Amino acid sequence: MQRILDIEHAIEQLSPEELHTLRAWFEERDAAEWDRQLQNDVTAGKLDSLADEALRDLHNGRCTDL
């Protein structure tokens, strides 16, 4: 927990420009982690049932065009 408090304190000391750079880095890191987890879930077949349900809905006319 102390490590987090140290990080919070360090962040509070950043200039606006440094904070902007940190935010951009964190957003990129977070997006990359999301992509990695999604790809792992796809590879593991965890989303297959959702895809099957969506295809059934499409086949049964329960979808609308965007």
N, C-alpha and C. Protein backbone atom coordinates (compact mmCIF):
# COMPACT_ATOMS: atom_id res chain seq x y z
N MET A 1 0.82 -1.20 0.00
CA MET A 1 0.00 0.00 0.00
C MET A 1 0.87 1.27 0.00
N GLN A 2 1.99 1.19 0.65
CA GLN A 2 2.87 2.35 0.69
C GLN A 2 3.34 2.73 -0.70
N ARG A 3 3.56 1.73 -1.53
CA ARG A 3 4.01 2.00 -2.90
C ARG A 3 2.98 2.85 -3.64
N ILE A 4 1.71 2.52 -3.48
CA ILE A 4 0.63 3.28 -4.13
C ILE A 4 0.60 4.71 -3.59
N LEU A 5 0.74 4.85 -2.29
CA LEU A 5 0.74 6.20 -1.71
C LEU A 5 1.93 7.01 -2.23
N ASP A 6 3.07 6.35 -2.39
CA ASP A 6 4.24 7.04 -2.95
C ASP A 6 3.98 7.49 -4.38
N ILE A 7 3.34 6.63 -5.16
CA ILE A 7 3.02 6.97 -6.55
C ILE A 7 2.02 8.13 -6.59
N GLU A 8 1.00 8.06 -5.74
CA GLU A 8 0.03 9.15 -5.68
C GLU A 8 0.71 10.47 -5.35
N HIS A 9 1.59 10.44 -4.38
CA HIS A 9 2.31 11.66 -4.00
C HIS A 9 3.15 12.17 -5.16
N ALA A 10 3.84 11.28 -5.84
CA ALA A 10 4.68 11.68 -6.98
C ALA A 10 3.81 12.29 -8.09
N ILE A 11 2.66 11.71 -8.33
CA ILE A 11 1.76 12.24 -9.36
C ILE A 11 1.29 13.64 -9.00
N GLU A 12 1.00 13.85 -7.74
CA GLU A 12 0.55 15.17 -7.30
C GLU A 12 1.62 16.25 -7.53
N GLN A 13 2.87 15.85 -7.65
CA GLN A 13 3.97 16.79 -7.84
C GLN A 13 4.23 17.10 -9.31
N LEU A 14 3.56 16.42 -10.22
CA LEU A 14 3.81 16.60 -11.65
C LEU A 14 3.30 17.95 -12.14
N SER A 15 3.98 18.47 -13.14
CA SER A 15 3.50 19.67 -13.81
C SER A 15 2.33 19.27 -14.71
N PRO A 16 1.55 20.23 -15.17
CA PRO A 16 0.45 19.91 -16.08
C PRO A 16 0.93 19.15 -17.32
N GLU A 17 2.08 19.53 -17.86
CA GLU A 17 2.60 18.85 -19.05
C GLU A 17 2.99 17.41 -18.72
N GLU A 18 3.63 17.22 -17.58
CA GLU A 18 4.01 15.87 -17.16
C GLU A 18 2.78 15.01 -16.89
N LEU A 19 1.76 15.60 -16.30
CA LEU A 19 0.52 14.87 -16.03
C LEU A 19 -0.14 14.46 -17.34
N HIS A 20 -0.11 15.34 -18.32
CA HIS A 20 -0.66 15.02 -19.64
C HIS A 20 0.09 13.84 -20.26
N THR A 21 1.40 13.85 -20.16
CA THR A 21 2.22 12.76 -20.69
C THR A 21 1.92 11.46 -19.96
N LEU A 22 1.79 11.52 -18.65
CA LEU A 22 1.47 10.33 -17.86
C LEU A 22 0.10 9.77 -18.25
N ARG A 23 -0.88 10.66 -18.40
CA ARG A 23 -2.22 10.21 -18.80
C ARG A 23 -2.18 9.50 -20.15
N ALA A 24 -1.48 10.08 -21.09
CA ALA A 24 -1.39 9.47 -22.42
C ALA A 24 -0.72 8.11 -22.33
N TRP A 25 0.35 8.01 -21.57
CA TRP A 25 1.04 6.72 -21.40
C TRP A 25 0.11 5.69 -20.77
N PHE A 26 -0.62 6.12 -19.72
CA PHE A 26 -1.49 5.18 -19.02
C PHE A 26 -2.65 4.72 -19.92
N GLU A 27 -3.21 5.64 -20.68
CA GLU A 27 -4.30 5.27 -21.59
C GLU A 27 -3.82 4.25 -22.62
N GLU A 28 -2.62 4.46 -23.16
CA GLU A 28 -2.06 3.50 -24.13
C GLU A 28 -1.81 2.15 -23.47
N ARG A 29 -1.27 2.18 -22.27
CA ARG A 29 -0.99 0.93 -21.54
C ARG A 29 -2.29 0.19 -21.23
N ASP A 30 -3.28 0.93 -20.79
CA ASP A 30 -4.57 0.34 -20.44
C ASP A 30 -5.25 -0.26 -21.68
N ALA A 31 -5.18 0.45 -22.80
CA ALA A 31 -5.77 -0.06 -24.04
C ALA A 31 -5.05 -1.31 -24.51
N ALA A 32 -3.73 -1.33 -24.39
CA ALA A 32 -2.96 -2.51 -24.81
C ALA A 32 -3.32 -3.71 -23.93
N GLU A 33 -3.51 -3.49 -22.64
CA GLU A 33 -3.90 -4.58 -21.74
C GLU A 33 -5.30 -5.08 -22.10
N TRP A 34 -6.22 -4.17 -22.41
CA TRP A 34 -7.57 -4.55 -22.82
C TRP A 34 -7.51 -5.40 -24.08
N ASP A 35 -6.73 -4.97 -25.06
CA ASP A 35 -6.59 -5.72 -26.31
C ASP A 35 -6.02 -7.10 -26.07
N ARG A 36 -5.00 -7.19 -25.20
CA ARG A 36 -4.37 -8.48 -24.88
C ARG A 36 -5.38 -9.42 -24.23
N GLN A 37 -6.15 -8.90 -23.27
CA GLN A 37 -7.13 -9.74 -22.58
C GLN A 37 -8.24 -10.17 -23.53
N LEU A 38 -8.70 -9.27 -24.38
CA LEU A 38 -9.73 -9.62 -25.35
C LEU A 38 -9.24 -10.71 -26.30
N GLN A 39 -8.02 -10.56 -26.79
CA GLN A 39 -7.46 -11.57 -27.68
C GLN A 39 -7.32 -12.92 -26.98
N ASN A 40 -6.90 -12.90 -25.73
CA ASN A 40 -6.82 -14.15 -24.96
C ASN A 40 -8.19 -14.79 -24.81
N ASP A 41 -9.21 -13.99 -24.54
CA ASP A 41 -10.57 -14.51 -24.40
C ASP A 41 -11.09 -15.08 -25.71
N VAL A 42 -10.80 -14.40 -26.82
CA VAL A 42 -11.22 -14.89 -28.14
C VAL A 42 -10.53 -16.22 -28.43
N THR A 43 -9.23 -16.27 -28.20
CA THR A 43 -8.46 -17.49 -28.47
C THR A 43 -8.96 -18.65 -27.61
N ALA A 44 -9.34 -18.35 -26.38
CA ALA A 44 -9.81 -19.39 -25.46
C ALA A 44 -11.27 -19.78 -25.73
N GLY A 45 -11.93 -19.08 -26.65
CA GLY A 45 -13.31 -19.41 -26.98
C GLY A 45 -14.33 -18.86 -26.00
N LYS A 46 -13.92 -17.95 -25.14
CA LYS A 46 -14.83 -17.42 -24.12
C LYS A 46 -15.95 -16.56 -24.70
N LEU A 47 -15.79 -16.10 -25.94
CA LEU A 47 -16.80 -15.24 -26.55
C LEU A 47 -17.65 -15.97 -27.59
N ASP A 48 -17.37 -17.24 -27.78
CA ASP A 48 -18.08 -18.00 -28.81
C ASP A 48 -19.59 -18.01 -28.60
N SER A 49 -20.03 -18.17 -27.35
CA SER A 49 -21.47 -18.22 -27.10
C SER A 49 -22.13 -16.88 -27.44
N LEU A 50 -21.43 -15.78 -27.18
CA LEU A 50 -21.98 -14.46 -27.52
C LEU A 50 -22.07 -14.28 -29.04
N ALA A 51 -21.05 -14.74 -29.74
CA ALA A 51 -21.08 -14.66 -31.21
C ALA A 51 -22.21 -15.51 -31.76
N ASP A 52 -22.38 -16.71 -31.22
CA ASP A 52 -23.46 -17.59 -31.67
C ASP A 52 -24.82 -16.95 -31.43
N GLU A 53 -24.99 -16.34 -30.28
CA GLU A 53 -26.26 -15.67 -29.97
C GLU A 53 -26.52 -14.52 -30.94
N ALA A 54 -25.49 -13.73 -31.23
CA ALA A 54 -25.64 -12.61 -32.15
C ALA A 54 -26.00 -13.10 -33.55
N LEU A 55 -25.38 -14.18 -33.98
CA LEU A 55 -25.70 -14.73 -35.31
C LEU A 55 -27.11 -15.29 -35.35
N ARG A 56 -27.56 -15.91 -34.28
CA ARG A 56 -28.95 -16.39 -34.22
C ARG A 56 -29.92 -15.21 -34.30
N ASP A 57 -29.63 -14.15 -33.55
CA ASP A 57 -30.48 -12.97 -33.58
C ASP A 57 -30.53 -12.38 -34.99
N LEU A 58 -29.41 -12.31 -35.66
CA LEU A 58 -29.36 -11.80 -37.02
C LEU A 58 -30.19 -12.68 -37.94
N HIS A 59 -30.00 -13.99 -37.85
CA HIS A 59 -30.73 -14.94 -38.69
C HIS A 59 -32.23 -14.86 -38.44
N ASN A 60 -32.63 -14.59 -37.19
CA ASN A 60 -34.06 -14.55 -36.83
C ASN A 60 -34.65 -13.15 -36.95
N GLY A 61 -33.91 -12.23 -37.55
CA GLY A 61 -34.45 -10.89 -37.81
C GLY A 61 -34.56 -10.03 -36.57
N ARG A 62 -33.81 -10.29 -35.57
CA ARG A 62 -33.88 -9.48 -34.34
C ARG A 62 -32.77 -8.45 -34.26
N CYS A 63 -32.29 -8.00 -35.43
CA CYS A 63 -31.24 -6.98 -35.49
C CYS A 63 -31.73 -5.82 -36.36
N THR A 64 -31.19 -4.66 -36.08
CA THR A 64 -31.51 -3.51 -36.92
C THR A 64 -30.20 -2.93 -37.47
N ASP A 65 -30.29 -2.35 -38.65
CA ASP A 65 -29.13 -1.71 -39.24
C ASP A 65 -28.79 -0.45 -38.48
N LEU A 66 -27.52 -0.17 -38.39
CA LEU A 66 -27.09 1.06 -37.69
C LEU A 66 -27.01 2.21 -38.67
